[in-house]
Protein backbone atom coordinates (compact mmCIF):
# COMPACT_ATOMS: atom_id res chain seq x y z
CA UNK A 1 0.00 0.00 0.00
CA UNK A 2 2.91 2.31 0.88
CA UNK A 3 4.52 1.71 -2.53
CA UNK A 4 1.19 2.45 -4.27
CA UNK A 5 0.85 5.75 -2.38
CA UNK A 6 4.43 6.66 -3.25
CA UNK A 7 3.75 5.96 -6.92
CA UNK A 8 0.59 8.07 -6.76
CA UNK A 9 2.52 10.96 -5.19
CA UNK A 10 5.07 10.77 -7.99
CA UNK A 11 2.26 10.92 -10.57
CA UNK A 12 0.71 13.89 -8.77
CA UNK A 13 4.03 15.76 -8.76
CA UNK A 14 4.59 14.97 -12.45
CA UNK A 15 1.08 16.06 -13.48
CA UNK A 16 1.28 19.26 -11.42
CA UNK A 17 4.58 20.09 -13.12
CA UNK A 18 3.11 19.31 -16.57
CA UNK A 19 0.08 21.43 -15.73
CA UNK A 20 2.25 24.44 -14.86
CA UNK A 21 4.50 23.93 -17.90
CA UNK A 22 1.47 23.76 -20.18
CA UNK A 23 0.01 26.97 -18.76
CA UNK A 24 3.38 28.76 -19.12
CA UNK A 25 3.82 27.39 -22.67
CA UNK A 26 0.36 28.56 -23.62
CA UNK A 27 1.06 32.01 -22.19
CA UNK A 28 4.27 32.23 -24.26
CA UNK A 29 2.41 31.15 -27.40
CA UNK A 30 -0.26 33.76 -26.77
CA UNK A 31 2.35 36.51 -26.39
CA UNK A 32 4.21 35.36 -29.51
CA UNK A 33 0.94 35.26 -31.44
CA UNK A 34 0.07 38.79 -30.31
CA UNK A 35 3.49 40.03 -31.46
CA UNK A 36 3.10 38.27 -34.80
CA UNK A 37 -0.38 39.68 -35.32
CA UNK A 38 0.94 43.17 -34.53
CA UNK A 39 3.68 42.76 -37.15
CA UNK A 40 1.15 41.53 -39.71
CA UNK A 41 -1.16 44.47 -39.03
CA UNK A 42 1.77 46.85 -39.32
CA UNK A 43 2.80 45.21 -42.60
CA UNK A 44 -0.77 45.49 -43.90
CA UNK A 45 -0.83 49.17 -42.99
CA UNK A 46 2.42 49.77 -44.88
CA UNK A 47 1.07 47.93 -47.93
CA UNK A 48 -2.20 49.86 -47.78
CA UNK A 49 -0.26 53.12 -47.67
CA UNK A 50 1.84 52.02 -50.65
CA UNK A 51 -1.32 50.99 -52.50
CA UNK A 52 -2.90 54.40 -51.84
CA UNK A 53 0.16 56.00 -53.38
CA UNK A 54 -0.35 54.03 -56.58
CA UNK A 55 1.97 51.07 -56.03
CA UNK A 56 0.84 47.71 -57.42
CA UNK A 57 0.75 45.24 -54.53
CA UNK A 58 0.25 41.47 -54.57
CA UNK A 59 -1.63 41.25 -51.28
CA UNK A 60 -1.48 37.44 -51.19
CA UNK A 61 2.09 37.71 -49.89
CA UNK A 62 0.69 38.88 -46.54
CA UNK A 63 -1.03 35.61 -45.78
CA UNK A 64 1.34 33.27 -47.62
CA UNK A 65 4.89 33.34 -46.30
CA UNK A 66 7.21 31.75 -48.82
CA UNK A 67 9.54 30.09 -46.30
CA UNK A 68 8.57 28.27 -43.11
CA UNK A 69 10.67 26.69 -40.37
CA UNK A 70 9.72 23.44 -38.65
CA UNK A 71 11.58 22.39 -35.52
CA UNK A 72 10.66 18.72 -35.78
CA UNK A 73 10.06 17.09 -39.14
CA UNK A 74 10.83 13.52 -40.17
CA UNK A 75 12.37 13.18 -43.62
CA UNK A 76 12.25 9.92 -45.58
CA UNK A 77 14.47 9.21 -48.57
CA UNK A 78 13.73 6.07 -50.55
CA UNK A 79 15.41 4.62 -53.58
CA UNK A 80 13.62 1.99 -55.60
CA UNK A 81 16.47 -0.07 -57.03
CA UNK A 82 15.74 -2.05 -60.16
CA UNK A 83 16.93 -0.33 -63.31
CA UNK A 84 20.34 -1.99 -63.05
CA UNK A 85 18.71 -5.43 -63.22
CA UNK A 86 16.68 -4.78 -66.35
CA UNK A 87 17.96 -7.16 -69.02
CA UNK A 88 17.48 -7.43 -72.76
CA UNK A 89 14.18 -8.99 -73.65
CA UNK A 90 12.31 -7.58 -70.68
CA UNK A 91 9.20 -5.53 -71.38
CA UNK A 92 10.57 -2.12 -70.42
CA UNK A 93 7.24 -0.36 -70.98
CA UNK A 94 5.49 -2.78 -68.65
CA UNK A 95 8.20 -2.31 -66.02
CA UNK A 96 7.88 1.47 -66.17
CA UNK A 97 4.11 1.16 -65.76
CA UNK A 98 4.79 -1.05 -62.76
CA UNK A 99 7.15 1.55 -61.28
CA UNK A 100 4.48 4.21 -61.78
CA UNK A 101 2.02 1.98 -59.94
CA UNK A 102 4.49 1.57 -57.06
CA UNK A 103 4.97 5.32 -56.77
CA UNK A 104 1.22 5.89 -56.89
CA UNK A 105 0.74 3.37 -54.10
CA UNK A 106 3.37 5.18 -52.03
CA UNK A 107 1.50 8.45 -52.58
CA UNK A 108 -1.70 6.87 -51.25
CA UNK A 109 0.14 5.62 -48.15
CA UNK A 110 1.34 9.14 -47.41
CA UNK A 111 -2.23 10.45 -47.42
CA UNK A 112 -3.23 7.84 -44.85
CA UNK A 113 -0.52 8.96 -42.43
CA UNK A 114 -0.57 12.74 -43.04
CA UNK A 115 2.87 12.71 -44.66
CA UNK A 116 3.73 15.30 -47.30
CA UNK A 117 5.31 14.15 -50.56
CA UNK A 118 8.21 16.40 -51.51
CA UNK A 119 9.30 15.05 -54.88
CA UNK A 120 10.02 12.06 -57.07
CA UNK A 121 13.04 11.97 -59.34
CA UNK A 122 13.21 8.80 -61.40
CA UNK A 123 13.29 5.97 -58.90
CA UNK A 124 14.09 8.24 -55.92
CA UNK A 125 11.29 9.22 -53.55
CA UNK A 126 11.30 11.90 -50.85
CA UNK A 127 8.64 12.82 -48.29
CA UNK A 128 8.39 14.40 -44.85
CA UNK A 129 6.12 14.18 -41.83
CA UNK A 130 5.37 17.21 -39.68
CA UNK A 131 4.90 19.64 -42.58
CA UNK A 132 3.02 21.72 -43.54
CA UNK A 133 0.99 21.05 -40.37
CA UNK A 134 3.20 20.62 -37.32
CA UNK A 135 2.58 17.53 -35.22
CA UNK A 136 4.40 15.53 -32.59
CA UNK A 137 3.55 12.11 -34.02
CA UNK A 138 5.33 12.45 -37.38
CA UNK A 139 8.30 10.14 -36.56
CA UNK A 140 5.94 7.24 -35.78
CA UNK A 141 3.82 7.90 -38.86
CA UNK A 142 6.81 8.07 -41.22
CA UNK A 143 8.39 4.87 -39.88
CA UNK A 144 5.07 3.03 -40.13
CA UNK A 145 4.63 4.25 -43.71
CA UNK A 146 8.16 3.03 -44.52
CA UNK A 147 7.28 -0.46 -43.29
CA UNK A 148 4.19 -0.52 -45.46
CA UNK A 149 6.16 0.69 -48.49
CA UNK A 150 8.57 -2.18 -47.97
CA UNK A 151 5.75 -4.64 -47.52
CA UNK A 152 4.03 -3.47 -50.70
CA UNK A 153 7.09 -4.32 -52.80
CA UNK A 154 7.37 -7.69 -51.05
CA UNK A 155 3.72 -8.45 -51.81
CA UNK A 156 4.23 -7.37 -55.42
CA UNK A 157 6.81 -10.10 -55.81
CA UNK A 158 4.98 -12.77 -53.77
CA UNK A 159 1.68 -12.37 -55.66
CA UNK A 160 3.43 -12.75 -58.99
CA UNK A 161 2.36 -9.35 -60.32
CA UNK A 162 5.95 -8.71 -61.26
CA UNK A 163 7.33 -11.14 -63.81
CA UNK A 164 10.79 -10.91 -62.26
CA UNK A 165 12.14 -9.76 -58.91
CA UNK A 166 13.16 -6.31 -60.12
CA UNK A 167 12.31 -3.71 -57.51
CA UNK A 168 14.03 -3.41 -54.13
CA UNK A 169 13.85 -0.58 -51.66
CA UNK A 170 16.40 1.33 -49.57
CA UNK A 171 15.10 3.83 -47.03
CA UNK A 172 16.81 6.40 -44.79
CA UNK A 173 14.87 8.37 -42.15
CA UNK A 174 16.03 11.24 -39.94
CA UNK A 175 14.17 13.63 -37.61
CA UNK A 176 15.18 17.24 -37.02
CA UNK A 177 14.55 20.87 -38.05
CA UNK A 178 13.91 21.79 -41.68
CA UNK A 179 13.16 24.89 -43.70
CA UNK A 180 10.30 24.49 -46.17
CA UNK A 181 10.02 26.78 -49.18
CA UNK A 182 6.57 27.12 -50.70
CA UNK A 183 6.45 26.48 -54.42
CA UNK A 184 3.52 27.53 -56.62
CA UNK A 185 0.45 29.61 -55.86
CA UNK A 186 -2.65 27.76 -57.03
CA UNK A 187 -1.31 24.34 -56.14
CA UNK A 188 1.16 24.77 -53.29
CA UNK A 189 3.98 22.27 -52.76
CA UNK A 190 7.03 22.39 -50.53
CA UNK A 191 10.74 22.04 -51.10
CA UNK A 192 12.64 21.33 -47.89
CA UNK A 193 16.28 21.91 -47.06
CA UNK A 194 18.72 21.73 -44.17
CA UNK A 195 20.97 19.23 -42.39
CA UNK A 196 18.03 16.96 -41.65
CA UNK A 197 17.39 16.48 -45.37
CA UNK A 198 21.07 15.88 -46.14
CA UNK A 199 21.46 13.32 -43.35
CA UNK A 200 18.37 11.35 -44.41
CA UNK A 201 19.71 11.26 -47.96
CA UNK A 202 23.13 10.03 -46.84
CA UNK A 203 21.56 7.35 -44.65
CA UNK A 204 19.62 6.01 -47.62
CA UNK A 205 22.81 5.97 -49.73
CA UNK A 206 24.81 4.16 -47.06
CA UNK A 207 22.21 1.48 -46.40
CA UNK A 208 21.58 -1.88 -47.99
CA UNK A 209 18.63 -2.78 -50.19
CA UNK A 210 15.71 -4.16 -48.27
CA UNK A 211 16.55 -2.21 -45.10
CA UNK A 212 14.89 0.73 -43.36
CA UNK A 213 17.48 2.80 -41.50
CA UNK A 214 16.59 5.46 -38.95
CA UNK A 215 18.84 7.89 -37.10
CA UNK A 216 19.26 7.78 -33.34
CA UNK A 217 17.10 10.93 -33.14
CA UNK A 218 14.19 9.15 -34.84
CA UNK A 219 14.89 5.96 -32.88
CA UNK A 220 14.43 7.73 -29.53
CA UNK A 221 11.03 8.97 -30.68
CA UNK A 222 9.71 5.65 -32.02
CA UNK A 223 11.42 2.94 -29.95
CA UNK A 224 8.31 2.47 -27.79
CA UNK A 225 6.45 1.13 -30.85
CA UNK A 226 9.02 -0.55 -33.10
CA UNK A 227 11.57 -3.35 -32.91
CA UNK A 228 14.93 -1.93 -33.98
CA UNK A 229 18.46 -3.34 -34.25
CA UNK A 230 21.62 -1.29 -33.99
CA UNK A 231 23.06 -0.92 -37.49
CA UNK A 232 26.20 1.19 -37.28
CA UNK A 233 27.54 4.73 -37.44
CA UNK A 234 27.44 7.31 -40.20
CA UNK A 235 30.19 9.97 -40.24
CA UNK A 236 28.56 13.42 -40.44
CA UNK A 237 30.68 16.46 -41.26
CA UNK A 238 31.07 18.83 -38.30
CA UNK A 239 28.80 16.62 -36.17
CA UNK A 240 30.77 13.44 -35.57
CA UNK A 241 29.39 9.93 -35.94
CA UNK A 242 25.61 9.43 -36.14
CA UNK A 243 24.24 6.15 -34.79
CA UNK A 244 21.77 4.32 -37.04
CA UNK A 245 19.19 1.61 -36.36
CA UNK A 246 17.37 -0.81 -38.64
CA UNK A 247 13.60 -1.02 -38.20
CA UNK A 248 12.42 -4.64 -38.13
CA UNK A 249 8.70 -4.03 -37.54
CA UNK A 250 6.12 -3.13 -34.93
CA UNK A 251 6.56 -4.69 -31.51
CA UNK A 252 4.34 -7.80 -31.21
CA UNK A 253 2.07 -6.20 -28.61
CA UNK A 254 1.29 -3.35 -31.03
CA UNK A 255 0.56 -5.38 -34.18
CA UNK A 256 -2.27 -7.56 -35.37
CA UNK A 257 -1.44 -11.24 -34.78
CA UNK A 258 2.00 -10.16 -33.58
CA UNK A 259 3.28 -10.03 -37.17
CA UNK A 260 4.86 -6.60 -36.83
CA UNK A 261 3.15 -4.72 -39.64
CA UNK A 262 -0.53 -3.90 -39.12
CA UNK A 263 -1.16 -1.70 -36.03
CA UNK A 264 -3.68 -3.02 -33.50
CA UNK A 265 -6.00 -1.31 -31.03
CA UNK A 266 -3.27 -0.99 -28.38
CA UNK A 267 -1.08 0.83 -30.88
CA UNK A 268 -3.97 3.18 -31.70
CA UNK A 269 -4.45 4.04 -28.03
CA UNK A 270 -0.77 4.70 -27.36
CA UNK A 271 -0.49 6.71 -30.55
CA UNK A 272 -3.50 8.88 -29.67
CA UNK A 273 -2.13 9.53 -26.18
CA UNK A 274 0.94 11.07 -27.87
CA UNK A 275 -1.19 12.79 -30.50
CA UNK A 276 -3.29 14.28 -27.69
CA UNK A 277 -0.54 16.89 -27.19
CA UNK A 278 -1.25 18.31 -30.66
CA UNK A 279 -5.01 18.17 -30.16
CA UNK A 280 -4.74 19.85 -26.77
CA UNK A 281 -2.58 22.69 -28.08
CA UNK A 282 -5.05 23.34 -30.89
CA UNK A 283 -8.15 23.33 -28.66
CA UNK A 284 -6.55 25.45 -25.92
CA UNK A 285 -5.52 27.97 -28.56
CA UNK A 286 -9.11 28.01 -29.83
CA UNK A 287 -10.41 28.54 -26.29
CA UNK A 288 -7.94 31.36 -25.66
CA UNK A 289 -9.06 33.18 -28.80
CA UNK A 290 -12.80 32.47 -28.74
CA UNK A 291 -13.97 32.19 -25.13
CA UNK A 292 -15.98 35.26 -24.01
CA UNK A 293 -14.02 37.63 -21.78
CA UNK A 294 -16.54 37.27 -18.92
CA UNK A 295 -15.59 33.61 -18.38
CA UNK A 296 -13.42 34.14 -15.32
CA UNK A 297 -13.96 30.58 -14.09
CA UNK A 298 -14.68 28.52 -17.22
CA UNK A 299 -11.43 29.60 -18.84
CA UNK A 300 -8.37 27.87 -20.28
CA UNK A 301 -6.88 27.25 -16.84
CA UNK A 302 -10.00 25.36 -15.72
CA UNK A 303 -9.82 23.11 -18.78
CA UNK A 304 -6.13 22.39 -18.13
CA UNK A 305 -6.95 21.60 -14.48
CA UNK A 306 -9.68 19.14 -15.46
CA UNK A 307 -7.49 17.38 -18.06
CA UNK A 308 -4.77 17.01 -15.43
CA UNK A 309 -7.16 15.86 -12.73
CA UNK A 310 -8.96 13.20 -14.80
CA UNK A 311 -5.59 11.60 -15.52
CA UNK A 312 -4.58 11.69 -11.86
CA UNK A 313 -7.83 10.23 -10.58
CA UNK A 314 -8.03 7.84 -13.53
CA UNK A 315 -4.65 6.26 -12.77
CA UNK A 316 -5.49 6.05 -9.07
CA UNK A 317 -8.80 4.34 -9.88
CA UNK A 318 -7.02 1.75 -12.04
CA UNK A 319 -8.14 2.94 -15.48
CA UNK A 320 -6.57 1.49 -18.62
CA UNK A 321 -4.65 3.55 -21.18
CA UNK A 322 -7.72 3.54 -23.41
CA UNK A 323 -9.91 4.86 -20.59
CA UNK A 324 -7.34 7.56 -19.77
CA UNK A 325 -7.43 8.65 -23.42
CA UNK A 326 -11.22 8.95 -23.32
CA UNK A 327 -11.09 10.87 -20.03
CA UNK A 328 -8.45 13.37 -21.15
CA UNK A 329 -10.24 14.00 -24.44
CA UNK A 330 -13.56 14.51 -22.66
CA UNK A 331 -11.86 16.87 -20.20
CA UNK A 332 -10.44 18.88 -23.09
CA UNK A 333 -13.86 19.36 -24.73
CA UNK A 334 -16.13 19.43 -21.68
CA UNK A 335 -16.27 23.26 -21.60
CA UNK A 336 -15.31 23.97 -25.21
CA UNK A 337 -18.98 24.63 -26.01
CA UNK A 338 -18.64 27.93 -24.13
CA UNK A 339 -17.07 29.31 -27.32
CA UNK A 340 -20.56 29.04 -28.85
CA UNK A 341 -22.95 29.56 -25.94
CA UNK A 342 -23.13 29.52 -22.15
CA UNK A 343 -26.29 27.55 -21.47
CA UNK A 344 -26.20 24.00 -22.76
CA UNK A 345 -22.47 24.22 -23.39
CA UNK A 346 -22.05 20.49 -22.70
CA UNK A 347 -24.10 19.58 -25.77
CA UNK A 348 -22.27 22.22 -27.82
CA UNK A 349 -18.95 20.77 -26.65
CA UNK A 350 -20.06 17.32 -27.81
CA UNK A 351 -20.88 18.72 -31.25
CA UNK A 352 -17.37 20.19 -31.43
CA UNK A 353 -15.83 16.92 -30.30
CA UNK A 354 -17.65 14.98 -33.01
CA UNK A 355 -16.35 17.42 -35.60
CA UNK A 356 -12.71 17.50 -34.45
CA UNK A 357 -12.09 13.96 -33.22
CA UNK A 358 -13.05 12.18 -36.44
CA UNK A 359 -10.19 14.05 -38.11
CA UNK A 360 -7.82 12.70 -35.45
CA UNK A 361 -8.71 9.07 -36.05
CA UNK A 362 -11.11 8.53 -33.14
CA UNK A 363 -13.70 5.86 -33.86
CA UNK A 364 -17.45 6.45 -33.71
CA UNK A 365 -17.68 4.37 -30.52
CA UNK A 366 -14.88 6.34 -28.87
CA UNK A 367 -16.46 9.68 -29.78
CA UNK A 368 -19.85 8.49 -28.54
CA UNK A 369 -18.35 7.43 -25.20
CA UNK A 370 -16.48 10.74 -24.87
CA UNK A 371 -19.72 12.66 -25.42
CA UNK A 372 -21.47 10.62 -22.72
CA UNK A 373 -18.65 11.48 -20.32
CA UNK A 374 -18.98 15.18 -21.19
CA UNK A 375 -22.76 15.19 -20.73
CA UNK A 376 -22.34 13.70 -17.24
CA UNK A 377 -20.91 17.06 -16.08
CA UNK A 378 -24.29 18.77 -16.42
CA UNK A 379 -25.65 20.15 -13.15
CA UNK A 380 -26.69 18.41 -11.02
CA UNK A 381 -24.20 15.64 -11.89
CA UNK A 382 -25.63 12.13 -12.08
CA UNK A 383 -22.77 9.95 -13.36
CA UNK A 384 -23.49 6.31 -14.18
CA UNK A 385 -20.06 4.89 -15.04
CA UNK A 386 -16.60 5.09 -13.49
CA UNK A 387 -15.34 7.42 -16.20
CA UNK A 388 -18.33 9.72 -15.74
CA UNK A 389 -17.74 9.75 -11.97
CA UNK A 390 -14.10 10.63 -12.50
CA UNK A 391 -14.80 13.67 -14.71
CA UNK A 392 -17.52 14.92 -12.37
CA UNK A 393 -15.08 14.80 -9.45
CA UNK A 394 -12.40 16.48 -11.57
CA UNK A 395 -14.78 19.23 -12.70
CA UNK A 396 -15.59 20.14 -9.08
CA UNK A 397 -12.16 19.35 -7.67
CA UNK A 398 -11.76 22.95 -6.50
CA UNK A 399 -14.42 22.44 -3.79
CA UNK A 400 -11.87 20.50 -1.74
CA UNK A 401 -8.78 22.56 -2.56
CA UNK A 402 -7.14 25.21 -0.42
CA UNK A 403 -7.83 27.85 -3.08
CA UNK A 404 -11.56 27.08 -3.12
CA UNK A 405 -12.75 30.55 -2.05
CA UNK A 406 -10.75 32.64 -4.58
CA UNK A 407 -11.70 30.17 -7.32
CA UNK A 408 -15.37 30.30 -6.38
CA UNK A 409 -15.18 34.09 -6.41
CA UNK A 410 -14.25 33.95 -10.11
CA UNK A 411 -17.37 31.85 -10.74
CA UNK A 412 -19.48 34.42 -8.89
CA UNK A 413 -17.98 37.21 -10.97
CA UNK A 414 -18.72 35.24 -14.13
CA UNK A 415 -22.36 34.65 -13.17
CA UNK A 416 -22.82 38.20 -11.91
CA UNK A 417 -21.79 39.73 -15.25
CA UNK A 418 -24.52 37.67 -16.91
CA UNK A 419 -27.15 38.62 -14.29
CA UNK A 420 -27.46 34.98 -13.23
CA UNK A 421 -26.85 35.62 -9.52
CA UNK A 422 -27.74 38.30 -6.96
CA UNK A 423 -25.56 39.66 -4.17
CA UNK A 424 -22.33 38.17 -2.92
CA UNK A 425 -24.19 37.22 0.25
CA UNK A 426 -26.75 35.32 -1.84
CA UNK A 427 -23.89 33.55 -3.59
CA UNK A 428 -22.27 32.41 -0.35
CA UNK A 429 -25.57 31.07 0.96
CA UNK A 430 -26.03 29.18 -2.29
CA UNK A 431 -22.52 27.75 -1.96
CA UNK A 432 -23.16 26.47 1.55
CA UNK A 433 -26.32 24.76 0.35
CA UNK A 434 -24.51 23.23 -2.64
CA UNK A 435 -21.42 22.02 -0.75
CA UNK A 436 -23.53 20.57 2.07
CA UNK A 437 -25.25 18.14 -0.30
CA UNK A 438 -22.36 17.63 -2.72
CA UNK A 439 -20.53 14.31 -2.71
CA UNK A 440 -17.43 13.12 -4.52
CA UNK A 441 -18.10 9.92 -6.41
CA UNK A 442 -14.68 8.24 -6.47
CA UNK A 443 -12.69 6.88 -3.57
CA UNK A 444 -9.65 8.84 -4.77
CA UNK A 445 -11.43 12.20 -4.73
CA UNK A 446 -13.00 11.48 -1.36
CA UNK A 447 -9.63 10.67 0.18
CA UNK A 448 -7.95 13.71 -1.37
CA UNK A 449 -10.64 16.38 -1.08
CA UNK A 450 -13.56 15.47 1.19
CA UNK A 451 -12.02 16.58 4.50
CA UNK A 452 -10.95 19.95 3.18
CA UNK A 453 -14.30 20.41 1.44
CA UNK A 454 -16.13 20.28 4.76
CA UNK A 455 -13.88 23.04 6.11
CA UNK A 456 -15.03 25.30 3.29
CA UNK A 457 -18.51 25.49 4.79
CA UNK A 458 -17.18 27.07 7.97
CA UNK A 459 -15.03 29.49 5.99
CA UNK A 460 -17.97 30.63 3.87
CA UNK A 461 -20.20 30.99 6.95
CA UNK A 462 -17.67 33.45 8.34
CA UNK A 463 -17.89 35.49 5.10
CA UNK A 464 -21.65 35.70 5.54
CA UNK A 465 -21.28 36.70 9.19
CA UNK A 466 -18.77 39.40 8.24
CA UNK A 467 -21.35 40.91 5.92
């Protein structure tokens, strides 16, 4: 029992730290965004002044920067070897059609995993994950796509579609910063450059046919999911030796039938828990920009608190990774409906969740369960399942915290500005009535918050007496 409590305390400390880091990161992003918007507005003003003076201005350059920097992209270089084995008498036209079909199939794979094709030159193929939309999951997606590319060529031979064993694949993958130059206006494409591109290209050149090589940087980001063997070192100018690993396949626990290629449900859950970072950043940014200014309580901080708390209580209550994913996602969207309306915001939040989550690969059943968890937070809460009980306790966690009174004051201020509450004295009487009948639903919340919650009643009574 002592070891379990110690582990729980470690989780609490970690989540509290992550909570604070997320709030600070969001504040920095907000400040950076404000500065960027100010620069854009200033630029627009300059262009408008130039236009008034008769200058011809292409205003599209305001909204379409021609060069973008990405701090974490995963570049894949592939070379489809085969031309050297073409002999006299072979149907060259048929082989070229077959190569075109291979390249088309690779293009379709990229779409599945949100990977951007950069270019094809002959039998060389280049693509990158993490551009033009930044995401934290791109190393996993690119490595998985590489495995499926390799498997496609193997199947092409095994099914007899190719008259001879002509095509073999070499792949090099590296993760790091890149600069992407936009090419074209009507149909935009990207040309990327930088050390990351050069290293991926050199890795492909130094590898053997039939192998997928990844750099140590990529390895550290994907090793949880994939079986990898140490391959060797690649000398890199000015950087020393770069360690490389060969990807053998998905770990058995993450693949269908343990065969190492097709991801299973456990993979999907682990992947979405990582992907949640991207989803959370996007939704918090949306809340920051679109929540009404009078939401002093139902603000970004409250959403971050609930997401943190559902994970804490969820682990303590023995939830699985899949259940933690559902809880955190529900916590993220449970108040997002406030961007549309105050009353009935739970239903509005569910509508938003259904719109966003399908794009992030959540299944219908997962989205449906998440919406049920969100709807359980309606007042008065009447949760029916463990996950619903957990989010209800997380949503009202502040009732048993030491900062309960200042937090509740923000809720009063929020309601007062909407003429939903009377005097501060009326509010405190309402709080006493509410807290007196309120109950936490989970054993974890009761053990952490119930004692302190009862003390709040006496504190609020003193506020009423002082009035």
